Amino acid sequence: MVSVAVAFAGLVVLAYCAFRVFVAVQRLGGELERTRGRLEPKRRALRQELRSTRRTRG
């Protein structure tokens, strides 16, 4: 009976850890989306500048 209780307690701990990892991954995904949104306009501007530089050289 004690082994069942210990196993159940172990599963509870694992479930808690899995939940914390899930929440952390969700937050990281949101942070990546926010960063991508901030960098995308700069990336577009850089590509335009590269294209115009290539046109003037060629």
Protein backbone atom coordinates (compact mmCIF):
# COMPACT_ATOMS: atom_id res chain seq x y z
CA MET A 1 0.00 0.00 0.00
CA VAL A 2 2.85 2.36 0.82
CA SER A 3 4.46 1.73 -2.55
CA VAL A 4 1.25 2.78 -4.31
CA ALA A 5 1.17 6.03 -2.32
CA VAL A 6 4.83 6.74 -3.11
CA ALA A 7 4.25 6.00 -6.80
CA PHE A 8 1.23 8.29 -6.84
CA ALA A 9 3.23 11.04 -5.11
CA GLY A 10 5.93 10.61 -7.74
CA LEU A 11 3.39 10.97 -10.51
CA VAL A 12 2.04 14.13 -8.91
CA VAL A 13 5.54 15.60 -8.83
CA LEU A 14 6.10 14.66 -12.48
CA ALA A 15 2.77 16.18 -13.49
CA TYR A 16 3.64 19.41 -11.68
CA CYS A 17 7.02 19.58 -13.41
CA ALA A 18 5.42 18.86 -16.80
CA PHE A 19 2.90 21.64 -16.21
CA ARG A 20 5.66 24.11 -15.33
CA VAL A 21 7.58 23.17 -18.48
CA PHE A 22 4.42 23.60 -20.56
CA VAL A 23 3.84 27.09 -19.13
CA ALA A 24 7.47 28.05 -19.72
CA VAL A 25 7.30 26.86 -23.34
CA GLN A 26 4.12 28.89 -23.87
CA ARG A 27 5.81 32.01 -22.51
CA LEU A 28 8.88 31.41 -24.63
CA GLY A 29 6.71 31.04 -27.73
CA GLY A 30 5.03 34.36 -26.97
CA GLU A 31 8.38 36.02 -26.45
CA LEU A 32 9.63 34.66 -29.77
CA GLU A 33 6.55 35.96 -31.58
CA ARG A 34 6.99 39.38 -30.01
CA THR A 35 10.67 39.46 -30.97
CA ARG A 36 9.89 38.33 -34.51
CA GLY A 37 7.33 41.10 -34.81
CA ARG A 38 9.87 43.67 -33.71
CA LEU A 39 12.61 42.41 -36.04
CA GLU A 40 10.56 41.82 -39.20
CA PRO A 41 10.29 45.51 -40.26
CA LYS A 42 14.05 45.92 -39.82
CA ARG A 43 14.66 42.77 -41.83
CA ARG A 44 12.49 44.07 -44.66
CA ALA A 45 14.30 47.41 -44.65
CA LEU A 46 17.66 45.67 -44.77
CA ARG A 47 16.57 43.52 -47.71
CA GLN A 48 15.35 46.59 -49.59
CA GLU A 49 18.66 48.30 -48.94
CA LEU A 50 20.56 45.27 -50.19
CA ARG A 51 18.46 45.15 -53.36
CA SER A 52 19.02 48.83 -54.06
CA THR A 53 22.75 48.43 -53.43
CA ARG A 54 22.91 45.54 -55.89
CA ARG A 55 21.03 47.57 -58.51
CA THR A 56 23.42 50.50 -58.24
CA ARG A 57 26.46 48.22 -58.53
CA GLY A 58 25.10 46.15 -61.38
